[in-house]
Each structure stands twice: as C-alpha cells, then as structure tokens.
Amino acid sequence: MVVRRGKGWKTPFIWGFIGVLVGVFVAFHVLKWPSHSLHWPVVNIVKKVDPSVVIVLNQQRKNAQLQTKGIGSGVILNRQGDVVTNYHVVAHANSLSVVLSNGKRYKARLVGEDPTSDLAVLKVQAKDLHPIMFASSGKVEPGELVVAIGNALGLSHTVTTGIISAKDRVMFRDGWEYHLIQTDAAINPGNSGGALVNAQGQLIGINASKIAQTGVEGIGFAIPINTVKSISEQLIKYGHVRRPWLGLDLQSGGSNSVGLLVVGVVPGSPAAAAGIQNGDFIVSMNGIRVRQMQNLIPIIQRAGVGRVVRVGILRGNLPVSVRLRLGESPLRSSKTVTK
C-alpha cells in the first residue's frame, strides 16, 4: 500500500528546519558568553600588574670582581624611578641592578634601607615606567583572592594565587610592633620584594617571607601596603626611617606590674626634659594603661616624632602627669623606644 503525502507536508517541515537553525544559532551565541564573562580574572590581573614588577640583582665584590649573589623582586612606586623591595634583598650589596619587565637592565642607587621593617627603596633612571596602583591595608579581608608576582628561584615574573589567610599577624622586631598579611599564595626565594595584589590589580602588600619548615605549607607573609607607603615615603624623604624616642631605659615586671619601671634616663633626652626620674613607674600614656613594652610601643608609633604625649607616672605613692614631646631616635635600627 502506498501512502501519499498531501501537498501541505512541506510547510511544517520547512518551519521545523528553520526552528532548528534558529535554536542552534541562539545556543551558539549564548554558550559563547561564559568564556568571556567567566574569564579567569588572574589573567587580566597579571597583564595589569606585570609591568610594575621588576627583578632586583644584588652584586657583591669577590676577588675584585662583581658577582651576583642574590636575586629578588621589586615594585615600581612612581614615574620618578623609585622601586620598593625587601631590605634582605639588597643587604651587603656593592652594586645593584634592576631589570624591567621589557628586559631592559638599569643600574640602581640605594635611596634608603630599614632593616627593622625589612624594606628598602632603590632609584633607577628609566623612562616609560609603569607605577603600580595602591589599595588600602584596612580594606583587606580574610578569604579575599590575591595574586603574588615575583621572580621565584630566579624564574622571571612567576605568578602564584591564593587567598588572604589572616590580615593582622603581629610581630615584634627590634622592639617595634609590625602587622603582617598572611597568605597561602606560594612565596618562594626570589619572590621577596614582589607584589601581592588584590582582584583589582592593586598592591596590598610586599611579599616578605614564608615559614620554611617540614610539614608546613601555605603560610607566607607580606608587609601591608600602609606600612610600605609610610616607610617608603620616609626613606625617599630622609634616607632613613624617623622613629620616635623617649630616651628612657625601662623594665617591665610583667602583666600584673604597676607599670614600667624607669631604670635610666638619657641626659638631654625628651624624657629628661619632661622631668622623668629614675625610680618612676610609667603607668599610662595618652590615657592608655601600660604595664609592658607591648602596651607602650603602639602608642609611641601612632604618635610619631615631634608629637606631644601625656605620660602618667607613679612617683612613690604620688601620681604625676607630665607632657613629653617625642624626639627622633639617634639610632637607625635598634630598640629605639628606650635607650
């Protein structure tokens, strides 16, 4: 039996075929969008930041010849050629060089160094520099995506990713308090002085160190950008960091003590001018109770050189209050709160 199709069978077939073509066309264009909208952001971050990250070469003299003894990283701060890096990257150098992302190499001059904060600033005479954009340390949050860019193990412009593990790890060095950013982004030798940036490609810290210990992974540290800016500005302006100075030798009896015992006053110091004496107990500063150096140090740091602080003293059984104008420490990188 032969089945004969009516004349109208072609119309729905044609419309169905057209519908399939339209569906394929729409699906093709819809499926193309995710490849752009969901593009892995690190690629664009690196393109933005990479020109601002440099290689720093530490050359030291041996047998009358210069030899490269260390390779680290640095970050371009401005178009004037100032580059920030770690102090330990440039320590003991007889000559320093900076290599830009375009491969051009320049001699660098040491503007200033600060072992206490592990920061240093170099200057290069170069054109067409690409300064990095700054974020604020205060806006950093745990869990935030970060990208570390540096020259790990001498491998130029290595990129690693991770998150902010913690934003306020406190450490003390040379008697001063510092706050570090903890990250699980891989930071290896050569990364030191490189950039730790956020998802907008803004600098949030300078990579400084990692915990190198068997069984420990993903614990690296960066110096927060607010600290980097403050220290760098002083190194550029003064060649060193101006730290406030009391001119006191203090002893702490612990967390349950009355206060900090004065066991020495430097003649001609701010403390001597304020009338502080041996045997006094420093019990408060700017209205904040102090029993240990860890209580006193942040107050001094926040105040800064030249500022007046109110010092609460216990002299025998007599409470005394004096005003003290903080001086600048005559020492460059030691325990400068006291002697």
C-alpha atoms as a PDB file:
ATOM      1  CA  MET A   1       0.000   0.000   0.000  1.00  0.00           C
ATOM      2  CA  VAL A   2       1.428   3.329  -0.962  1.00  0.00           C
ATOM      3  CA  VAL A   3       0.923   6.271   1.375  1.00  0.00           C
ATOM      4  CA  ARG A   4       0.549   9.505  -0.449  1.00  0.00           C
ATOM      5  CA  ARG A   5       1.536  12.738   1.339  1.00  0.00           C
ATOM      6  CA  GLY A   6      -0.629  15.761   0.936  1.00  0.00           C
ATOM      7  CA  LYS A   7       0.675  18.868  -0.635  1.00  0.00           C
ATOM      8  CA  GLY A   8       0.918  20.632   2.764  1.00  0.00           C
ATOM      9  CA  TRP A   9       3.530  18.348   4.337  1.00  0.00           C
ATOM     10  CA  LYS A  10       6.413  20.563   3.233  1.00  0.00           C
ATOM     11  CA  THR A  11       5.277  23.639   5.160  1.00  0.00           C
ATOM     12  CA  PRO A  12       5.669  22.298   8.758  1.00  0.00           C
ATOM     13  CA  PHE A  13       8.922  20.588   7.720  1.00  0.00           C
ATOM     14  CA  ILE A  14      10.372  23.844   6.480  1.00  0.00           C
ATOM     15  CA  TRP A  15       9.272  25.728   9.572  1.00  0.00           C
ATOM     16  CA  GLY A  16      10.689  22.998  11.807  1.00  0.00           C
ATOM     17  CA  PHE A  17      14.007  23.090   9.990  1.00  0.00           C
ATOM     18  CA  ILE A  18      14.143  26.872  10.334  1.00  0.00           C
ATOM     19  CA  GLY A  19      13.400  26.491  14.057  1.00  0.00           C
ATOM     20  CA  VAL A  20      16.313  24.103  14.473  1.00  0.00           C
ATOM     21  CA  LEU A  21      18.658  26.516  12.712  1.00  0.00           C
ATOM     22  CA  VAL A  22      17.485  29.407  14.913  1.00  0.00           C
ATOM     23  CA  GLY A  23      17.946  27.261  18.019  1.00  0.00           C
ATOM     24  CA  VAL A  24      21.481  26.310  17.025  1.00  0.00           C
ATOM     25  CA  PHE A  25      22.311  29.954  16.263  1.00  0.00           C
ATOM     26  CA  VAL A  26      20.968  31.165  19.636  1.00  0.00           C
ATOM     27  CA  ALA A  27      22.636  28.349  21.564  1.00  0.00           C
ATOM     28  CA  PHE A  28      25.973  29.053  19.882  1.00  0.00           C
ATOM     29  CA  HIS A  29      25.943  32.722  20.866  1.00  0.00           C
ATOM     30  CA  VAL A  30      24.615  32.105  24.379  1.00  0.00           C
ATOM     31  CA  LEU A  31      27.234  29.461  25.069  1.00  0.00           C
ATOM     32  CA  LYS A  32      29.971  31.788  23.864  1.00  0.00           C
ATOM     33  CA  TRP A  33      29.320  34.384  26.594  1.00  0.00           C
ATOM     34  CA  PRO A  34      30.581  32.416  29.597  1.00  0.00           C
ATOM     35  CA  SER A  35      34.015  32.151  28.053  1.00  0.00           C
ATOM     36  CA  HIS A  36      34.204  35.925  28.396  1.00  0.00           C
ATOM     37  CA  SER A  37      32.083  36.728  31.431  1.00  0.00           C
ATOM     38  CA  LEU A  38      33.548  33.863  33.459  1.00  0.00           C
ATOM     39  CA  HIS A  39      37.092  34.518  32.274  1.00  0.00           C
ATOM     40  CA  TRP A  40      39.630  33.607  34.996  1.00  0.00           C
ATOM     41  CA  PRO A  41      40.437  37.050  36.485  1.00  0.00           C
ATOM     42  CA  VAL A  42      44.087  36.302  37.249  1.00  0.00           C
ATOM     43  CA  VAL A  43      44.989  36.630  33.558  1.00  0.00           C
ATOM     44  CA  ASN A  44      43.858  40.261  33.436  1.00  0.00           C
ATOM     45  CA  ILE A  45      45.364  40.980  36.868  1.00  0.00           C
ATOM     46  CA  VAL A  46      48.769  39.772  35.702  1.00  0.00           C
ATOM     47  CA  LYS A  47      48.601  41.782  32.465  1.00  0.00           C
ATOM     48  CA  LYS A  48      47.870  44.884  34.520  1.00  0.00           C
ATOM     49  CA  VAL A  49      50.478  44.352  37.256  1.00  0.00           C
ATOM     50  CA  ASP A  50      53.366  42.615  35.487  1.00  0.00           C
ATOM     51  CA  PRO A  51      54.943  45.812  34.032  1.00  0.00           C
ATOM     52  CA  SER A  52      55.194  47.212  37.584  1.00  0.00           C
ATOM     53  CA  VAL A  53      57.221  44.276  38.950  1.00  0.00           C
ATOM     54  CA  VAL A  54      60.989  44.186  38.439  1.00  0.00           C
ATOM     55  CA  ILE A  55      63.947  41.902  39.063  1.00  0.00           C
ATOM     56  CA  VAL A  56      66.487  43.159  41.630  1.00  0.00           C
ATOM     57  CA  LEU A  57      70.075  41.891  41.327  1.00  0.00           C
ATOM     58  CA  ASN A  58      72.384  42.049  44.351  1.00  0.00           C
ATOM     59  CA  GLN A  59      76.002  42.062  43.246  1.00  0.00           C
ATOM     60  CA  GLN A  60      78.881  41.714  45.654  1.00  0.00           C
ATOM     61  CA  ARG A  61      82.614  42.034  45.107  1.00  0.00           C
ATOM     62  CA  LYS A  62      84.783  38.954  45.312  1.00  0.00           C
ATOM     63  CA  ASN A  63      88.412  38.919  44.211  1.00  0.00           C
ATOM     64  CA  ALA A  64      87.962  42.383  42.684  1.00  0.00           C
ATOM     65  CA  GLN A  65      85.077  41.155  40.567  1.00  0.00           C
ATOM     66  CA  LEU A  66      81.348  41.736  40.954  1.00  0.00           C
ATOM     67  CA  GLN A  67      79.283  38.590  41.220  1.00  0.00           C
ATOM     68  CA  THR A  68      75.524  38.246  41.502  1.00  0.00           C
ATOM     69  CA  LYS A  69      74.898  36.932  44.997  1.00  0.00           C
ATOM     70  CA  GLY A  70      71.159  37.366  45.204  1.00  0.00           C
ATOM     71  CA  ILE A  71      68.083  37.763  43.026  1.00  0.00           C
ATOM     72  CA  GLY A  72      64.873  39.242  44.334  1.00  0.00           C
ATOM     73  CA  SER A  73      61.919  41.299  43.230  1.00  0.00           C
ATOM     74  CA  GLY A  74      60.782  44.886  43.482  1.00  0.00           C
ATOM     75  CA  VAL A  75      57.771  47.071  42.708  1.00  0.00           C
ATOM     76  CA  ILE A  76      57.770  50.410  40.852  1.00  0.00           C
ATOM     77  CA  LEU A  77      56.288  53.110  43.102  1.00  0.00           C
ATOM     78  CA  ASN A  78      56.252  56.129  40.799  1.00  0.00           C
ATOM     79  CA  ARG A  79      57.396  57.521  37.453  1.00  0.00           C
ATOM     80  CA  GLN A  80      60.411  59.129  39.155  1.00  0.00           C
ATOM     81  CA  GLY A  81      62.019  55.685  39.294  1.00  0.00           C
ATOM     82  CA  ASP A  82      61.580  54.750  42.968  1.00  0.00           C
ATOM     83  CA  VAL A  83      61.376  50.990  43.492  1.00  0.00           C
ATOM     84  CA  VAL A  84      60.492  49.310  46.786  1.00  0.00           C
ATOM     85  CA  THR A  85      61.895  45.923  47.770  1.00  0.00           C
ATOM     86  CA  ASN A  86      62.920  43.995  50.881  1.00  0.00           C
ATOM     87  CA  TYR A  87      65.992  45.038  52.850  1.00  0.00           C
ATOM     88  CA  HIS A  88      67.282  41.469  52.840  1.00  0.00           C
ATOM     89  CA  VAL A  89      67.238  41.508  49.024  1.00  0.00           C
ATOM     90  CA  VAL A  90      69.750  44.386  48.870  1.00  0.00           C
ATOM     91  CA  ALA A  91      71.729  43.765  52.087  1.00  0.00           C
ATOM     92  CA  HIS A  92      75.553  43.875  51.737  1.00  0.00           C
ATOM     93  CA  ALA A  93      75.396  44.747  48.031  1.00  0.00           C
ATOM     94  CA  ASN A  94      78.326  46.504  46.373  1.00  0.00           C
ATOM     95  CA  SER A  95      76.230  47.143  43.275  1.00  0.00           C
ATOM     96  CA  LEU A  96      72.519  46.897  42.490  1.00  0.00           C
ATOM     97  CA  SER A  97      70.693  46.459  39.194  1.00  0.00           C
ATOM     98  CA  VAL A  98      67.028  46.454  38.242  1.00  0.00           C
ATOM     99  CA  VAL A  99      65.598  44.594  35.250  1.00  0.00           C
ATOM    100  CA  LEU A 100      62.240  45.820  33.933  1.00  0.00           C
ATOM    101  CA  SER A 101      59.542  43.552  32.517  1.00  0.00           C
ATOM    102  CA  ASN A 102      60.663  44.537  28.984  1.00  0.00           C
ATOM    103  CA  GLY A 103      64.109  43.078  29.696  1.00  0.00           C
ATOM    104  CA  LYS A 104      65.947  46.408  29.961  1.00  0.00           C
ATOM    105  CA  ARG A 105      68.537  46.500  32.741  1.00  0.00           C
ATOM    106  CA  TYR A 106      69.482  49.602  34.743  1.00  0.00           C
ATOM    107  CA  LYS A 107      71.953  50.407  37.478  1.00  0.00           C
ATOM    108  CA  ALA A 108      70.108  51.229  40.696  1.00  0.00           C
ATOM    109  CA  ARG A 109      71.004  53.559  43.534  1.00  0.00           C
ATOM    110  CA  LEU A 110      70.102  52.705  47.115  1.00  0.00           C
ATOM    111  CA  VAL A 111      67.900  55.557  48.380  1.00  0.00           C
ATOM    112  CA  GLY A 112      67.446  54.176  51.878  1.00  0.00           C
ATOM    113  CA  GLU A 113      67.082  50.938  53.814  1.00  0.00           C
ATOM    114  CA  ASP A 114      65.342  49.907  57.000  1.00  0.00           C
ATOM    115  CA  PRO A 115      66.332  46.508  58.416  1.00  0.00           C
ATOM    116  CA  THR A 116      63.701  46.746  61.149  1.00  0.00           C
ATOM    117  CA  SER A 117      60.768  46.724  58.706  1.00  0.00           C
ATOM    118  CA  ASP A 118      62.743  44.741  56.080  1.00  0.00           C
ATOM    119  CA  LEU A 119      62.140  47.405  53.434  1.00  0.00           C
ATOM    120  CA  ALA A 120      64.411  49.360  51.105  1.00  0.00           C
ATOM    121  CA  VAL A 121      63.944  51.841  48.269  1.00  0.00           C
ATOM    122  CA  LEU A 122      66.035  51.979  45.097  1.00  0.00           C
ATOM    123  CA  LYS A 123      66.072  54.528  42.290  1.00  0.00           C
ATOM    124  CA  VAL A 124      66.601  53.926  38.583  1.00  0.00           C
ATOM    125  CA  GLN A 125      66.930  56.419  35.745  1.00  0.00           C
ATOM    126  CA  ALA A 126      64.461  54.962  33.280  1.00  0.00           C
ATOM    127  CA  LYS A 127      61.635  56.166  31.074  1.00  0.00           C
ATOM    128  CA  ASP A 128      58.173  54.750  30.437  1.00  0.00           C
ATOM    129  CA  LEU A 129      57.871  53.231  33.892  1.00  0.00           C
ATOM    130  CA  HIS A 130      54.578  51.704  34.991  1.00  0.00           C
ATOM    131  CA  PRO A 131      53.893  52.520  38.663  1.00  0.00           C
ATOM    132  CA  ILE A 132      51.652  50.106  40.494  1.00  0.00           C
ATOM    133  CA  MET A 133      48.220  51.099  41.795  1.00  0.00           C
ATOM    134  CA  PHE A 134      47.737  51.098  45.568  1.00  0.00           C
ATOM    135  CA  ALA A 135      44.960  49.638  47.680  1.00  0.00           C
ATOM    136  CA  SER A 136      44.437  50.204  51.417  1.00  0.00           C
ATOM    137  CA  SER A 137      45.515  47.682  54.038  1.00  0.00           C
ATOM    138  CA  GLY A 138      42.381  48.463  56.010  1.00  0.00           C
ATOM    139  CA  LYS A 139      40.167  47.048  53.248  1.00  0.00           C
ATOM    140  CA  VAL A 140      41.893  43.653  53.137  1.00  0.00           C
ATOM    141  CA  GLU A 141      39.654  40.804  54.265  1.00  0.00           C
ATOM    142  CA  PRO A 142      40.389  37.124  55.016  1.00  0.00           C
ATOM    143  CA  GLY A 143      39.302  34.884  52.139  1.00  0.00           C
ATOM    144  CA  GLU A 144      39.978  37.561  49.519  1.00  0.00           C
ATOM    145  CA  LEU A 145      41.604  36.433  46.263  1.00  0.00           C
ATOM    146  CA  VAL A 146      45.242  37.543  45.966  1.00  0.00           C
ATOM    147  CA  VAL A 147      47.964  37.149  43.351  1.00  0.00           C
ATOM    148  CA  ALA A 148      51.695  37.120  44.132  1.00  0.00           C
ATOM    149  CA  ILE A 149      54.073  38.157  41.350  1.00  0.00           C
ATOM    150  CA  GLY A 150      57.838  37.935  41.652  1.00  0.00           C
ATOM    151  CA  ASN A 151      60.945  36.137  40.495  1.00  0.00           C
ATOM    152  CA  ALA A 152      60.787  32.893  42.431  1.00  0.00           C
ATOM    153  CA  LEU A 153      64.087  30.977  42.367  1.00  0.00           C
ATOM    154  CA  GLY A 154      65.273  33.379  39.671  1.00  0.00           C
ATOM    155  CA  LEU A 155      62.432  32.445  37.319  1.00  0.00           C
ATOM    156  CA  SER A 156      61.287  35.779  35.945  1.00  0.00           C
ATOM    157  CA  HIS A 157      57.764  37.020  36.697  1.00  0.00           C
ATOM    158  CA  THR A 158      56.350  33.926  38.355  1.00  0.00           C
ATOM    159  CA  VAL A 159      52.657  34.112  39.230  1.00  0.00           C
ATOM    160  CA  THR A 160      51.008  32.310  42.142  1.00  0.00           C
ATOM    161  CA  THR A 161      47.489  32.668  43.518  1.00  0.00           C
ATOM    162  CA  GLY A 162      45.796  32.195  46.859  1.00  0.00           C
ATOM    163  CA  ILE A 163      43.724  33.956  49.468  1.00  0.00           C
ATOM    164  CA  ILE A 164      44.259  36.178  52.458  1.00  0.00           C
ATOM    165  CA  SER A 165      44.558  33.740  55.363  1.00  0.00           C
ATOM    166  CA  ALA A 166      44.720  36.482  58.022  1.00  0.00           C
ATOM    167  CA  LYS A 167      45.214  40.225  57.818  1.00  0.00           C
ATOM    168  CA  ASP A 168      46.705  41.175  61.169  1.00  0.00           C
ATOM    169  CA  ARG A 169      49.537  38.912  62.283  1.00  0.00           C
ATOM    170  CA  VAL A 170      51.512  40.852  64.895  1.00  0.00           C
ATOM    171  CA  MET A 171      55.263  40.508  65.240  1.00  0.00           C
ATOM    172  CA  PHE A 172      57.936  42.445  67.103  1.00  0.00           C
ATOM    173  CA  ARG A 173      61.323  43.279  65.623  1.00  0.00           C
ATOM    174  CA  ASP A 174      63.983  45.425  67.267  1.00  0.00           C
ATOM    175  CA  GLY A 175      61.454  46.474  69.876  1.00  0.00           C
ATOM    176  CA  TRP A 176      58.877  47.700  67.350  1.00  0.00           C
ATOM    177  CA  GLU A 177      55.466  46.272  66.539  1.00  0.00           C
ATOM    178  CA  TYR A 178      54.576  45.264  62.993  1.00  0.00           C
ATOM    179  CA  HIS A 179      51.425  43.818  61.442  1.00  0.00           C
ATOM    180  CA  LEU A 180      51.705  41.373  58.540  1.00  0.00           C
ATOM    181  CA  ILE A 181      49.309  39.875  55.996  1.00  0.00           C
ATOM    182  CA  GLN A 182      49.255  36.083  55.987  1.00  0.00           C
ATOM    183  CA  THR A 183      48.547  34.345  52.677  1.00  0.00           C
ATOM    184  CA  ASP A 184      48.597  30.833  51.260  1.00  0.00           C
ATOM    185  CA  ALA A 185      49.833  32.075  47.871  1.00  0.00           C
ATOM    186  CA  ALA A 186      53.189  30.389  47.269  1.00  0.00           C
ATOM    187  CA  ILE A 187      56.082  32.691  48.213  1.00  0.00           C
ATOM    188  CA  ASN A 188      59.494  31.253  47.418  1.00  0.00           C
ATOM    189  CA  PRO A 189      63.066  32.605  47.455  1.00  0.00           C
ATOM    190  CA  GLY A 190      63.225  35.326  44.815  1.00  0.00           C
ATOM    191  CA  ASN A 191      59.606  36.354  45.447  1.00  0.00           C
ATOM    192  CA  SER A 192      60.871  38.623  48.231  1.00  0.00           C
ATOM    193  CA  GLY A 193      60.121  42.254  47.439  1.00  0.00           C
ATOM    194  CA  GLY A 194      57.489  41.322  44.863  1.00  0.00           C
ATOM    195  CA  ALA A 195      53.860  42.353  44.684  1.00  0.00           C
ATOM    196  CA  LEU A 196      50.872  40.894  46.478  1.00  0.00           C
ATOM    197  CA  VAL A 197      47.820  42.338  44.732  1.00  0.00           C
ATOM    198  CA  ASN A 198      44.051  42.072  45.016  1.00  0.00           C
ATOM    199  CA  ALA A 199      41.459  41.203  42.356  1.00  0.00           C
ATOM    200  CA  GLN A 200      41.602  44.792  41.050  1.00  0.00           C
ATOM    201  CA  GLY A 201      45.354  44.553  40.483  1.00  0.00           C
ATOM    202  CA  GLN A 202      46.075  46.948  43.352  1.00  0.00           C
ATOM    203  CA  LEU A 203      49.075  46.494  45.629  1.00  0.00           C
ATOM    204  CA  ILE A 204      48.083  45.333  49.100  1.00  0.00           C
ATOM    205  CA  GLY A 205      51.486  44.170  50.294  1.00  0.00           C
ATOM    206  CA  ILE A 206      55.139  43.413  49.592  1.00  0.00           C
ATOM    207  CA  ASN A 207      55.976  39.709  49.763  1.00  0.00           C
ATOM    208  CA  ALA A 208      58.473  39.187  52.547  1.00  0.00           C
ATOM    209  CA  SER A 209      58.802  35.630  53.829  1.00  0.00           C
ATOM    210  CA  LYS A 210      57.376  32.176  54.293  1.00  0.00           C
ATOM    211  CA  ILE A 211      57.607  29.587  57.029  1.00  0.00           C
ATOM    212  CA  ALA A 212      60.114  27.045  55.737  1.00  0.00           C
ATOM    213  CA  GLN A 213      59.533  24.077  57.983  1.00  0.00           C
ATOM    214  CA  THR A 214      58.918  20.392  57.361  1.00  0.00           C
ATOM    215  CA  GLY A 215      55.197  19.701  57.322  1.00  0.00           C
ATOM    216  CA  VAL A 216      54.242  23.362  56.962  1.00  0.00           C
ATOM    217  CA  GLU A 217      52.683  24.515  53.695  1.00  0.00           C
ATOM    218  CA  GLY A 218      50.854  27.621  52.553  1.00  0.00           C
ATOM    219  CA  ILE A 219      51.990  30.073  55.232  1.00  0.00           C
ATOM    220  CA  GLY A 220      53.540  33.164  53.690  1.00  0.00           C
ATOM    221  CA  PHE A 221      53.690  36.770  54.839  1.00  0.00           C
ATOM    222  CA  ALA A 222      53.560  40.181  53.201  1.00  0.00           C
ATOM    223  CA  ILE A 223      54.188  43.658  54.575  1.00  0.00           C
ATOM    224  CA  PRO A 224      50.884  45.612  54.354  1.00  0.00           C
ATOM    225  CA  ILE A 225      50.708  48.461  51.855  1.00  0.00           C
ATOM    226  CA  ASN A 226      50.026  51.107  54.520  1.00  0.00           C
ATOM    227  CA  THR A 227      53.317  50.189  56.211  1.00  0.00           C
ATOM    228  CA  VAL A 228      55.094  50.055  52.844  1.00  0.00           C
ATOM    229  CA  LYS A 229      53.878  53.543  51.909  1.00  0.00           C
ATOM    230  CA  SER A 230      54.808  55.067  55.268  1.00  0.00           C
ATOM    231  CA  ILE A 231      58.291  53.546  55.342  1.00  0.00           C
ATOM    232  CA  SER A 232      58.972  54.240  51.651  1.00  0.00           C
ATOM    233  CA  GLU A 233      57.952  57.881  51.937  1.00  0.00           C
ATOM    234  CA  GLN A 234      60.363  58.377  54.830  1.00  0.00           C
ATOM    235  CA  LEU A 235      63.202  56.581  53.051  1.00  0.00           C
ATOM    236  CA  ILE A 236      62.681  58.761  49.984  1.00  0.00           C
ATOM    237  CA  LYS A 237      62.449  61.969  52.015  1.00  0.00           C
ATOM    238  CA  TYR A 238      65.050  61.376  54.738  1.00  0.00           C
ATOM    239  CA  GLY A 239      67.094  58.380  53.619  1.00  0.00           C
ATOM    240  CA  HIS A 240      66.109  56.598  56.828  1.00  0.00           C
ATOM    241  CA  VAL A 241      63.041  55.990  58.969  1.00  0.00           C
ATOM    242  CA  ARG A 242      62.376  58.544  61.707  1.00  0.00           C
ATOM    243  CA  ARG A 243      61.290  56.666  64.808  1.00  0.00           C
ATOM    244  CA  PRO A 244      60.049  58.344  67.979  1.00  0.00           C
ATOM    245  CA  TRP A 245      62.316  58.384  71.025  1.00  0.00           C
ATOM    246  CA  LEU A 246      61.683  58.730  74.727  1.00  0.00           C
ATOM    247  CA  GLY A 247      65.241  58.463  75.995  1.00  0.00           C
ATOM    248  CA  LEU A 248      64.325  56.001  78.731  1.00  0.00           C
ATOM    249  CA  ASP A 249      65.604  52.637  79.867  1.00  0.00           C
ATOM    250  CA  LEU A 250      62.537  50.744  81.080  1.00  0.00           C
ATOM    251  CA  GLN A 251      61.927  47.428  82.801  1.00  0.00           C
ATOM    252  CA  SER A 252      58.672  45.524  82.951  1.00  0.00           C
ATOM    253  CA  GLY A 253      57.538  43.446  85.893  1.00  0.00           C
ATOM    254  CA  GLY A 254      55.029  41.579  83.746  1.00  0.00           C
ATOM    255  CA  SER A 255      51.321  41.866  83.030  1.00  0.00           C
ATOM    256  CA  ASN A 256      50.461  42.305  86.740  1.00  0.00           C
ATOM    257  CA  SER A 257      53.023  45.033  87.432  1.00  0.00           C
ATOM    258  CA  VAL A 258      52.133  48.591  88.392  1.00  0.00           C
ATOM    259  CA  GLY A 259      53.756  49.884  85.243  1.00  0.00           C
ATOM    260  CA  LEU A 260      57.121  50.193  83.509  1.00  0.00           C
ATOM    261  CA  LEU A 261      59.966  50.957  85.909  1.00  0.00           C
ATOM    262  CA  VAL A 262      62.368  53.733  84.855  1.00  0.00           C
ATOM    263  CA  VAL A 263      65.930  52.480  85.442  1.00  0.00           C
ATOM    264  CA  GLY A 264      67.703  55.052  83.295  1.00  0.00           C
ATOM    265  CA  VAL A 265      67.146  58.497  81.757  1.00  0.00           C
ATOM    266  CA  VAL A 266      69.359  59.650  78.874  1.00  0.00           C
ATOM    267  CA  PRO A 267      70.724  63.148  79.588  1.00  0.00           C
ATOM    268  CA  GLY A 268      69.276  65.753  77.240  1.00  0.00           C
ATOM    269  CA  SER A 269      66.559  63.362  76.041  1.00  0.00           C
ATOM    270  CA  PRO A 270      62.820  64.125  75.756  1.00  0.00           C
ATOM    271  CA  ALA A 271      62.250  62.183  78.990  1.00  0.00           C
ATOM    272  CA  ALA A 272      64.877  64.232  80.826  1.00  0.00           C
ATOM    273  CA  ALA A 273      63.308  67.469  79.546  1.00  0.00           C
ATOM    274  CA  ALA A 274      59.919  66.286  80.820  1.00  0.00           C
ATOM    275  CA  GLY A 275      61.340  65.690  84.307  1.00  0.00           C
ATOM    276  CA  ILE A 276      61.014  61.902  84.415  1.00  0.00           C
ATOM    277  CA  GLN A 277      63.321  60.357  87.040  1.00  0.00           C
ATOM    278  CA  ASN A 278      64.906  57.032  87.874  1.00  0.00           C
ATOM    279  CA  GLY A 279      62.542  55.012  90.060  1.00  0.00           C
ATOM    280  CA  ASP A 280      59.393  56.416  88.459  1.00  0.00           C
ATOM    281  CA  PHE A 281      56.778  54.000  87.145  1.00  0.00           C
ATOM    282  CA  ILE A 282      55.248  54.805  83.739  1.00  0.00           C
ATOM    283  CA  VAL A 283      51.638  53.749  84.283  1.00  0.00           C
ATOM    284  CA  SER A 284      49.847  55.344  81.320  1.00  0.00           C
ATOM    285  CA  MET A 285      50.408  57.207  78.076  1.00  0.00           C
ATOM    286  CA  ASN A 286      47.741  59.328  76.409  1.00  0.00           C
ATOM    287  CA  GLY A 287      45.296  57.882  78.918  1.00  0.00           C
ATOM    288  CA  ILE A 288      46.042  54.260  77.984  1.00  0.00           C
ATOM    289  CA  ARG A 289      47.223  51.902  80.737  1.00  0.00           C
ATOM    290  CA  VAL A 290      50.695  50.472  80.177  1.00  0.00           C
ATOM    291  CA  ARG A 291      52.278  47.578  82.042  1.00  0.00           C
ATOM    292  CA  GLN A 292      54.533  46.081  79.341  1.00  0.00           C
ATOM    293  CA  MET A 293      56.526  47.384  76.406  1.00  0.00           C
ATOM    294  CA  GLN A 294      53.921  45.817  74.098  1.00  0.00           C
ATOM    295  CA  ASN A 295      51.403  48.281  75.560  1.00  0.00           C
ATOM    296  CA  LEU A 296      53.690  51.284  75.139  1.00  0.00           C
ATOM    297  CA  ILE A 297      55.129  50.693  71.667  1.00  0.00           C
ATOM    298  CA  PRO A 298      51.915  51.116  69.584  1.00  0.00           C
ATOM    299  CA  ILE A 299      51.124  54.404  71.341  1.00  0.00           C
ATOM    300  CA  ILE A 300      54.579  55.779  70.548  1.00  0.00           C
ATOM    301  CA  GLN A 301      54.391  54.595  66.944  1.00  0.00           C
ATOM    302  CA  ARG A 302      50.977  56.144  66.332  1.00  0.00           C
ATOM    303  CA  ALA A 303      52.060  59.468  67.840  1.00  0.00           C
ATOM    304  CA  GLY A 304      55.274  59.888  65.836  1.00  0.00           C
ATOM    305  CA  VAL A 305      58.280  62.176  66.041  1.00  0.00           C
ATOM    306  CA  GLY A 306      57.588  65.681  67.325  1.00  0.00           C
ATOM    307  CA  ARG A 307      54.191  64.895  68.836  1.00  0.00           C
ATOM    308  CA  VAL A 308      53.365  65.567  72.483  1.00  0.00           C
ATOM    309  CA  VAL A 309      52.162  62.673  74.632  1.00  0.00           C
ATOM    310  CA  ARG A 310      50.720  62.721  78.161  1.00  0.00           C
ATOM    311  CA  VAL A 311      52.667  60.445  80.470  1.00  0.00           C
ATOM    312  CA  GLY A 312      51.104  59.183  83.697  1.00  0.00           C
ATOM    313  CA  ILE A 313      53.716  58.484  86.381  1.00  0.00           C
ATOM    314  CA  LEU A 314      53.650  56.933  89.825  1.00  0.00           C
ATOM    315  CA  ARG A 315      56.438  58.541  91.888  1.00  0.00           C
ATOM    316  CA  GLY A 316      56.438  56.745  95.201  1.00  0.00           C
ATOM    317  CA  ASN A 317      52.777  56.924  96.160  1.00  0.00           C
ATOM    318  CA  LEU A 318      52.219  60.186  94.295  1.00  0.00           C
ATOM    319  CA  PRO A 319      50.569  60.187  90.848  1.00  0.00           C
ATOM    320  CA  VAL A 320      52.201  62.686  88.479  1.00  0.00           C
ATOM    321  CA  SER A 321      51.282  63.683  84.917  1.00  0.00           C
ATOM    322  CA  VAL A 322      53.807  65.220  82.511  1.00  0.00           C
ATOM    323  CA  ARG A 323      53.796  66.264  78.857  1.00  0.00           C
ATOM    324  CA  LEU A 324      56.598  64.845  76.728  1.00  0.00           C
ATOM    325  CA  ARG A 325      57.493  65.822  73.162  1.00  0.00           C
ATOM    326  CA  LEU A 326      58.794  62.768  71.332  1.00  0.00           C
ATOM    327  CA  GLY A 327      62.202  63.141  69.740  1.00  0.00           C
ATOM    328  CA  GLU A 328      63.788  61.304  66.833  1.00  0.00           C
ATOM    329  CA  SER A 329      65.808  58.264  67.730  1.00  0.00           C
ATOM    330  CA  PRO A 330      69.556  58.720  67.222  1.00  0.00           C
ATOM    331  CA  LEU A 331      69.692  55.022  66.315  1.00  0.00           C
ATOM    332  CA  ARG A 332      68.651  53.707  62.921  1.00  0.00           C
ATOM    333  CA  SER A 333      67.550  50.131  63.578  1.00  0.00           C
ATOM    334  CA  SER A 334      67.647  49.009  67.163  1.00  0.00           C
ATOM    335  CA  LYS A 335      65.481  49.172  70.248  1.00  0.00           C
ATOM    336  CA  THR A 336      64.810  52.876  69.953  1.00  0.00           C
ATOM    337  CA  VAL A 337      61.788  53.244  72.227  1.00  0.00           C
ATOM    338  CA  THR A 338      64.152  53.112  75.163  1.00  0.00           C
ATOM    339  CA  LYS A 339      67.865  53.807  75.004  1.00  0.00           C
END
